[in-house]
Full PDB file with SEQRES, HELIX, SHEET, SSBOND, CRYST1, ORIGX, SCALE, CONECT and MASTER records, all heavy atoms in Angstrom:
SEQRES   1 A   29  LEU ASN VAL THR VAL THR ASN PRO THR ALA ALA GLY TYR          
SEQRES   2 A   29  VAL THR VAL TYR PRO TYR GLY ALA SER ARG PRO LEU ALA          
SEQRES   3 A   29  SER ASN LEU                                                  
CRYST1    1.000    1.000    1.000  90.00  90.00  90.00 P 1           1          
ORIGX1      1.000000  0.000000  0.000000        0.00000                         
ORIGX2      0.000000  1.000000  0.000000        0.00000                         
ORIGX3      0.000000  0.000000  1.000000        0.00000                         
SCALE1      1.000000  0.000000  0.000000        0.00000                         
SCALE2      0.000000  1.000000  0.000000        0.00000                         
SCALE3      0.000000  0.000000  1.000000        0.00000                         
ATOM      1  N   LEU A   1       2.609   8.787  20.302  1.00  0.00           N  
ATOM      2  CA  LEU A   1       2.164   7.605  21.089  1.00  0.00           C  
ATOM      3  C   LEU A   1       3.413   6.903  21.648  1.00  0.00           C  
ATOM      4  O   LEU A   1       4.476   6.908  21.069  1.00  0.00           O  
ATOM      5  CB  LEU A   1       1.479   6.652  20.210  1.00  0.00           C  
ATOM      6  CG  LEU A   1       0.216   7.095  19.389  1.00  0.00           C  
ATOM      7  CD1 LEU A   1      -0.199   6.076  18.388  1.00  0.00           C  
ATOM      8  CD2 LEU A   1      -0.926   7.373  20.392  1.00  0.00           C  
ATOM      9  N   ASN A   2       3.234   6.289  22.796  1.00  0.00           N  
ATOM     10  CA  ASN A   2       4.222   5.291  23.233  1.00  0.00           C  
ATOM     11  C   ASN A   2       3.550   3.846  22.893  1.00  0.00           C  
ATOM     12  O   ASN A   2       2.592   3.527  23.527  1.00  0.00           O  
ATOM     13  CB  ASN A   2       4.486   5.445  24.725  1.00  0.00           C  
ATOM     14  CG  ASN A   2       5.674   4.588  25.149  1.00  0.00           C  
ATOM     15  OD1 ASN A   2       6.782   4.926  24.775  1.00  0.00           O  
ATOM     16  ND2 ASN A   2       5.443   3.533  25.792  1.00  0.00           N  
ATOM     17  N   VAL A   3       4.149   3.208  21.912  1.00  0.00           N  
ATOM     18  CA  VAL A   3       3.605   1.964  21.462  1.00  0.00           C  
ATOM     19  C   VAL A   3       4.479   0.819  22.087  1.00  0.00           C  
ATOM     20  O   VAL A   3       5.707   0.877  22.075  1.00  0.00           O  
ATOM     21  CB  VAL A   3       3.613   1.881  19.924  1.00  0.00           C  
ATOM     22  CG1 VAL A   3       3.112   0.484  19.415  1.00  0.00           C  
ATOM     23  CG2 VAL A   3       2.814   2.986  19.345  1.00  0.00           C  
ATOM     24  N   THR A   4       3.784  -0.169  22.685  1.00  0.00           N  
ATOM     25  CA  THR A   4       4.479  -1.294  23.245  1.00  0.00           C  
ATOM     26  C   THR A   4       4.074  -2.532  22.649  1.00  0.00           C  
ATOM     27  O   THR A   4       2.834  -2.834  22.456  1.00  0.00           O  
ATOM     28  CB  THR A   4       4.259  -1.334  24.752  1.00  0.00           C  
ATOM     29  OG1 THR A   4       4.610  -0.095  25.352  1.00  0.00           O  
ATOM     30  CG2 THR A   4       4.955  -2.453  25.531  1.00  0.00           C  
ATOM     31  N   VAL A   5       5.028  -3.390  22.354  1.00  0.00           N  
ATOM     32  CA  VAL A   5       4.830  -4.806  21.984  1.00  0.00           C  
ATOM     33  C   VAL A   5       4.980  -5.710  23.144  1.00  0.00           C  
ATOM     34  O   VAL A   5       6.026  -5.619  23.901  1.00  0.00           O  
ATOM     35  CB  VAL A   5       5.809  -5.281  20.837  1.00  0.00           C  
ATOM     36  CG1 VAL A   5       5.816  -6.725  20.665  1.00  0.00           C  
ATOM     37  CG2 VAL A   5       5.471  -4.562  19.548  1.00  0.00           C  
ATOM     38  N   THR A   6       4.087  -6.567  23.399  1.00  0.00           N  
ATOM     39  CA  THR A   6       4.314  -7.540  24.480  1.00  0.00           C  
ATOM     40  C   THR A   6       3.704  -8.910  24.138  1.00  0.00           C  
ATOM     41  O   THR A   6       2.759  -9.044  23.289  1.00  0.00           O  
ATOM     42  CB  THR A   6       3.544  -7.018  25.760  1.00  0.00           C  
ATOM     43  OG1 THR A   6       3.970  -7.800  26.940  1.00  0.00           O  
ATOM     44  CG2 THR A   6       2.048  -6.897  25.663  1.00  0.00           C  
ATOM     45  N   ASN A   7       4.329  -9.938  24.718  1.00  0.00           N  
ATOM     46  CA  ASN A   7       3.899 -11.413  24.485  1.00  0.00           C  
ATOM     47  C   ASN A   7       3.988 -11.763  23.013  1.00  0.00           C  
ATOM     48  O   ASN A   7       3.214 -12.562  22.483  1.00  0.00           O  
ATOM     49  CB  ASN A   7       2.461 -11.568  24.916  1.00  0.00           C  
ATOM     50  CG  ASN A   7       2.199 -11.155  26.284  1.00  0.00           C  
ATOM     51  OD1 ASN A   7       2.979 -11.374  27.237  1.00  0.00           O  
ATOM     52  ND2 ASN A   7       1.062 -10.447  26.538  1.00  0.00           N  
ATOM     53  N   PRO A   8       5.066 -11.394  22.272  1.00  0.00           N  
ATOM     54  CA  PRO A   8       5.181 -11.774  20.892  1.00  0.00           C  
ATOM     55  C   PRO A   8       5.598 -13.316  20.807  1.00  0.00           C  
ATOM     56  O   PRO A   8       6.425 -13.744  21.655  1.00  0.00           O  
ATOM     57  CB  PRO A   8       6.312 -10.900  20.341  1.00  0.00           C  
ATOM     58  CG  PRO A   8       7.102 -10.520  21.507  1.00  0.00           C  
ATOM     59  CD  PRO A   8       6.196 -10.403  22.623  1.00  0.00           C  
ATOM     60  N   THR A   9       5.136 -14.004  19.850  1.00  0.00           N  
ATOM     61  CA  THR A   9       5.492 -15.422  19.648  1.00  0.00           C  
ATOM     62  C   THR A   9       6.646 -15.642  18.757  1.00  0.00           C  
ATOM     63  O   THR A   9       7.157 -16.777  18.626  1.00  0.00           O  
ATOM     64  CB  THR A   9       4.261 -16.188  19.241  1.00  0.00           C  
ATOM     65  OG1 THR A   9       3.879 -15.672  17.876  1.00  0.00           O  
ATOM     66  CG2 THR A   9       3.110 -16.111  20.131  1.00  0.00           C  
ATOM     67  N   ALA A  10       7.141 -14.574  18.117  1.00  0.00           N  
ATOM     68  CA  ALA A  10       8.224 -14.693  17.226  1.00  0.00           C  
ATOM     69  C   ALA A  10       9.025 -13.378  17.071  1.00  0.00           C  
ATOM     70  O   ALA A  10       8.415 -12.296  17.447  1.00  0.00           O  
ATOM     71  CB  ALA A  10       7.744 -15.149  15.843  1.00  0.00           C  
ATOM     72  N   ALA A  11      10.224 -13.443  16.678  1.00  0.00           N  
ATOM     73  CA  ALA A  11      10.962 -12.239  16.360  1.00  0.00           C  
ATOM     74  C   ALA A  11      10.358 -11.457  15.260  1.00  0.00           C  
ATOM     75  O   ALA A  11       9.906 -12.034  14.307  1.00  0.00           O  
ATOM     76  CB  ALA A  11      12.437 -12.536  16.112  1.00  0.00           C  
ATOM     77  N   GLY A  12      10.235 -10.165  15.374  1.00  0.00           N  
ATOM     78  CA  GLY A  12       9.565  -9.428  14.300  1.00  0.00           C  
ATOM     79  C   GLY A  12       9.749  -7.931  14.467  1.00  0.00           C  
ATOM     80  O   GLY A  12      10.579  -7.423  15.230  1.00  0.00           O  
ATOM     81  N   TYR A  13       8.792  -7.211  13.837  1.00  0.00           N  
ATOM     82  CA  TYR A  13       8.813  -5.726  13.871  1.00  0.00           C  
ATOM     83  C   TYR A  13       7.396  -5.225  13.651  1.00  0.00           C  
ATOM     84  O   TYR A  13       6.512  -5.911  13.138  1.00  0.00           O  
ATOM     85  CB  TYR A  13       9.785  -5.090  12.829  1.00  0.00           C  
ATOM     86  CG  TYR A  13       9.423  -5.300  11.387  1.00  0.00           C  
ATOM     87  CD1 TYR A  13       8.596  -4.374  10.763  1.00  0.00           C  
ATOM     88  CD2 TYR A  13       9.983  -6.379  10.714  1.00  0.00           C  
ATOM     89  CE1 TYR A  13       8.287  -4.593   9.430  1.00  0.00           C  
ATOM     90  CE2 TYR A  13       9.675  -6.554   9.337  1.00  0.00           C  
ATOM     91  CZ  TYR A  13       8.769  -5.612   8.785  1.00  0.00           C  
ATOM     92  OH  TYR A  13       8.431  -5.832   7.414  1.00  0.00           O  
ATOM     93  N   VAL A  14       7.105  -4.040  14.121  1.00  0.00           N  
ATOM     94  CA  VAL A  14       5.846  -3.352  13.931  1.00  0.00           C  
ATOM     95  C   VAL A  14       6.126  -1.998  13.222  1.00  0.00           C  
ATOM     96  O   VAL A  14       7.060  -1.287  13.516  1.00  0.00           O  
ATOM     97  CB  VAL A  14       5.141  -3.089  15.305  1.00  0.00           C  
ATOM     98  CG1 VAL A  14       4.065  -2.103  15.177  1.00  0.00           C  
ATOM     99  CG2 VAL A  14       4.604  -4.422  15.824  1.00  0.00           C  
ATOM    100  N   THR A  15       5.247  -1.679  12.285  1.00  0.00           N  
ATOM    101  CA  THR A  15       5.277  -0.423  11.655  1.00  0.00           C  
ATOM    102  C   THR A  15       4.031   0.360  11.904  1.00  0.00           C  
ATOM    103  O   THR A  15       2.933  -0.150  11.776  1.00  0.00           O  
ATOM    104  CB  THR A  15       5.454  -0.609  10.125  1.00  0.00           C  
ATOM    105  OG1 THR A  15       6.591  -1.348   9.851  1.00  0.00           O  
ATOM    106  CG2 THR A  15       5.536   0.719   9.368  1.00  0.00           C  
ATOM    107  N   VAL A  16       4.146   1.615  12.279  1.00  0.00           N  
ATOM    108  CA  VAL A  16       3.024   2.600  12.550  1.00  0.00           C  
ATOM    109  C   VAL A  16       3.007   3.576  11.514  1.00  0.00           C  
ATOM    110  O   VAL A  16       4.064   4.249  11.225  1.00  0.00           O  
ATOM    111  CB  VAL A  16       3.078   3.098  13.953  1.00  0.00           C  
ATOM    112  CG1 VAL A  16       1.775   3.881  14.251  1.00  0.00           C  
ATOM    113  CG2 VAL A  16       3.307   2.053  15.004  1.00  0.00           C  
ATOM    114  N   TYR A  17       1.853   3.726  10.783  1.00  0.00           N  
ATOM    115  CA  TYR A  17       1.892   4.679   9.688  1.00  0.00           C  
ATOM    116  C   TYR A  17       0.444   5.215   9.470  1.00  0.00           C  
ATOM    117  O   TYR A  17      -0.486   4.836  10.126  1.00  0.00           O  
ATOM    118  CB  TYR A  17       2.292   3.990   8.352  1.00  0.00           C  
ATOM    119  CG  TYR A  17       1.528   2.730   7.976  1.00  0.00           C  
ATOM    120  CD1 TYR A  17       0.627   2.792   6.943  1.00  0.00           C  
ATOM    121  CD2 TYR A  17       1.732   1.485   8.649  1.00  0.00           C  
ATOM    122  CE1 TYR A  17      -0.072   1.689   6.595  1.00  0.00           C  
ATOM    123  CE2 TYR A  17       1.049   0.329   8.295  1.00  0.00           C  
ATOM    124  CZ  TYR A  17       0.106   0.426   7.246  1.00  0.00           C  
ATOM    125  OH  TYR A  17      -0.585  -0.654   6.883  1.00  0.00           O  
ATOM    126  N   PRO A  18       0.230   6.265   8.602  1.00  0.00           N  
ATOM    127  CA  PRO A  18      -1.045   6.921   8.411  1.00  0.00           C  
ATOM    128  C   PRO A  18      -2.061   5.937   7.975  1.00  0.00           C  
ATOM    129  O   PRO A  18      -1.780   5.090   7.027  1.00  0.00           O  
ATOM    130  CB  PRO A  18      -0.740   8.018   7.370  1.00  0.00           C  
ATOM    131  CG  PRO A  18       0.740   8.264   7.446  1.00  0.00           C  
ATOM    132  CD  PRO A  18       1.250   6.913   7.760  1.00  0.00           C  
ATOM    133  N   TYR A  19      -3.256   6.111   8.525  1.00  0.00           N  
ATOM    134  CA  TYR A  19      -4.368   5.223   8.064  1.00  0.00           C  
ATOM    135  C   TYR A  19      -4.686   5.297   6.617  1.00  0.00           C  
ATOM    136  O   TYR A  19      -4.727   6.438   5.956  1.00  0.00           O  
ATOM    137  CB  TYR A  19      -5.650   5.621   8.883  1.00  0.00           C  
ATOM    138  CG  TYR A  19      -6.916   4.906   8.476  1.00  0.00           C  
ATOM    139  CD1 TYR A  19      -7.070   3.630   8.777  1.00  0.00           C  
ATOM    140  CD2 TYR A  19      -7.897   5.600   7.745  1.00  0.00           C  
ATOM    141  CE1 TYR A  19      -8.313   2.947   8.335  1.00  0.00           C  
ATOM    142  CE2 TYR A  19      -9.073   4.955   7.432  1.00  0.00           C  
ATOM    143  CZ  TYR A  19      -9.239   3.666   7.734  1.00  0.00           C  
ATOM    144  OH  TYR A  19     -10.422   3.037   7.359  1.00  0.00           O  
ATOM    145  N   GLY A  20      -4.815   4.173   5.953  1.00  0.00           N  
ATOM    146  CA  GLY A  20      -5.208   4.034   4.529  1.00  0.00           C  
ATOM    147  C   GLY A  20      -4.053   4.295   3.629  1.00  0.00           C  
ATOM    148  O   GLY A  20      -4.305   4.091   2.382  1.00  0.00           O  
ATOM    149  N   ALA A  21      -2.860   4.670   4.128  1.00  0.00           N  
ATOM    150  CA  ALA A  21      -1.752   4.796   3.253  1.00  0.00           C  
ATOM    151  C   ALA A  21      -1.062   3.479   2.919  1.00  0.00           C  
ATOM    152  O   ALA A  21      -1.264   2.501   3.626  1.00  0.00           O  
ATOM    153  CB  ALA A  21      -0.693   5.793   3.813  1.00  0.00           C  
ATOM    154  N   SER A  22      -0.343   3.446   1.859  1.00  0.00           N  
ATOM    155  CA  SER A  22       0.523   2.263   1.542  1.00  0.00           C  
ATOM    156  C   SER A  22       1.552   2.039   2.630  1.00  0.00           C  
ATOM    157  O   SER A  22       2.138   3.002   3.143  1.00  0.00           O  
ATOM    158  CB  SER A  22       1.243   2.386   0.214  1.00  0.00           C  
ATOM    159  OG  SER A  22       0.332   2.515  -0.846  1.00  0.00           O  
ATOM    160  N   ARG A  23       1.655   0.785   3.098  1.00  0.00           N  
ATOM    161  CA  ARG A  23       2.642   0.549   4.205  1.00  0.00           C  
ATOM    162  C   ARG A  23       4.060   0.876   3.732  1.00  0.00           C  
ATOM    163  O   ARG A  23       4.492   0.351   2.728  1.00  0.00           O  
ATOM    164  CB  ARG A  23       2.497  -0.885   4.716  1.00  0.00           C  
ATOM    165  CG  ARG A  23       3.548  -1.207   5.789  1.00  0.00           C  
ATOM    166  CD  ARG A  23       3.153  -2.566   6.410  1.00  0.00           C  
ATOM    167  NE  ARG A  23       2.991  -3.636   5.455  1.00  0.00           N  
ATOM    168  CZ  ARG A  23       3.955  -4.345   4.989  1.00  0.00           C  
ATOM    169  NH1 ARG A  23       5.168  -4.171   5.323  1.00  0.00           N  
ATOM    170  NH2 ARG A  23       3.709  -5.365   4.073  1.00  0.00           N  
ATOM    171  N   PRO A  24       4.777   1.702   4.402  1.00  0.00           N  
ATOM    172  CA  PRO A  24       6.164   2.147   3.995  1.00  0.00           C  
ATOM    173  C   PRO A  24       7.218   1.050   4.365  1.00  0.00           C  
ATOM    174  O   PRO A  24       6.987   0.167   5.245  1.00  0.00           O  
ATOM    175  CB  PRO A  24       6.438   3.413   4.759  1.00  0.00           C  
ATOM    176  CG  PRO A  24       5.620   3.199   6.004  1.00  0.00           C  
ATOM    177  CD  PRO A  24       4.378   2.436   5.625  1.00  0.00           C  
ATOM    178  N   LEU A  25       8.387   1.138   3.687  1.00  0.00           N  
ATOM    179  CA  LEU A  25       9.523   0.382   4.090  1.00  0.00           C  
ATOM    180  C   LEU A  25      10.115   1.047   5.298  1.00  0.00           C  
ATOM    181  O   LEU A  25      11.024   2.013   5.182  1.00  0.00           O  
ATOM    182  CB  LEU A  25      10.552   0.339   2.950  1.00  0.00           C  
ATOM    183  CG  LEU A  25      11.853  -0.437   3.296  1.00  0.00           C  
ATOM    184  CD1 LEU A  25      11.640  -1.854   3.581  1.00  0.00           C  
ATOM    185  CD2 LEU A  25      12.831  -0.256   2.109  1.00  0.00           C  
ATOM    186  N   ALA A  26       9.641   0.718   6.472  1.00  0.00           N  
ATOM    187  CA  ALA A  26      10.052   1.318   7.759  1.00  0.00           C  
ATOM    188  C   ALA A  26       9.612   0.492   8.913  1.00  0.00           C  
ATOM    189  O   ALA A  26       8.727  -0.387   8.698  1.00  0.00           O  
ATOM    190  CB  ALA A  26       9.590   2.760   7.840  1.00  0.00           C  
ATOM    191  N   SER A  27      10.216   0.729  10.059  1.00  0.00           N  
ATOM    192  CA  SER A  27       9.773   0.016  11.225  1.00  0.00           C  
ATOM    193  C   SER A  27       9.845   0.935  12.431  1.00  0.00           C  
ATOM    194  O   SER A  27      10.622   1.930  12.418  1.00  0.00           O  
ATOM    195  CB  SER A  27      10.604  -1.242  11.518  1.00  0.00           C  
ATOM    196  OG  SER A  27      11.997  -0.888  11.727  1.00  0.00           O  
ATOM    197  N   ASN A  28       9.065   0.704  13.430  1.00  0.00           N  
ATOM    198  CA  ASN A  28       9.104   1.486  14.673  1.00  0.00           C  
ATOM    199  C   ASN A  28       9.573   0.646  15.852  1.00  0.00           C  
ATOM    200  O   ASN A  28      10.137   1.160  16.828  1.00  0.00           O  
ATOM    201  CB  ASN A  28       7.719   2.064  14.916  1.00  0.00           C  
ATOM    202  CG  ASN A  28       7.297   3.030  13.897  1.00  0.00           C  
ATOM    203  OD1 ASN A  28       6.596   2.651  13.003  1.00  0.00           O  
ATOM    204  ND2 ASN A  28       7.759   4.241  13.920  1.00  0.00           N  
ATOM    205  N   LEU A  29       9.192  -0.646  15.940  1.00  0.00           N  
ATOM    206  CA  LEU A  29       9.598  -1.537  17.058  1.00  0.00           C  
ATOM    207  C   LEU A  29      10.204  -2.850  16.480  1.00  0.00           C  
ATOM    208  O   LEU A  29       9.677  -3.397  15.541  1.00  0.00           O  
ATOM    209  CB  LEU A  29       8.427  -1.841  17.902  1.00  0.00           C  
ATOM    210  CG  LEU A  29       7.743  -0.706  18.671  1.00  0.00           C  
ATOM    211  CD1 LEU A  29       6.535  -0.215  17.912  1.00  0.00           C  
ATOM    212  CD2 LEU A  29       7.352  -1.161  20.072  1.00  0.00           C  
TER     213      LEU A  29                                                      
MASTER        0    0    0    0    0    0    0    6  212    1    0    3          
END                                                                             
């Protein structure tokens, strides 16, 4: 996928991961 963040109201990050899995210590954007 090409994932895009737009119009964020604060500095941050997004993590994309397998559905239903525990969220990992990682980031994509």
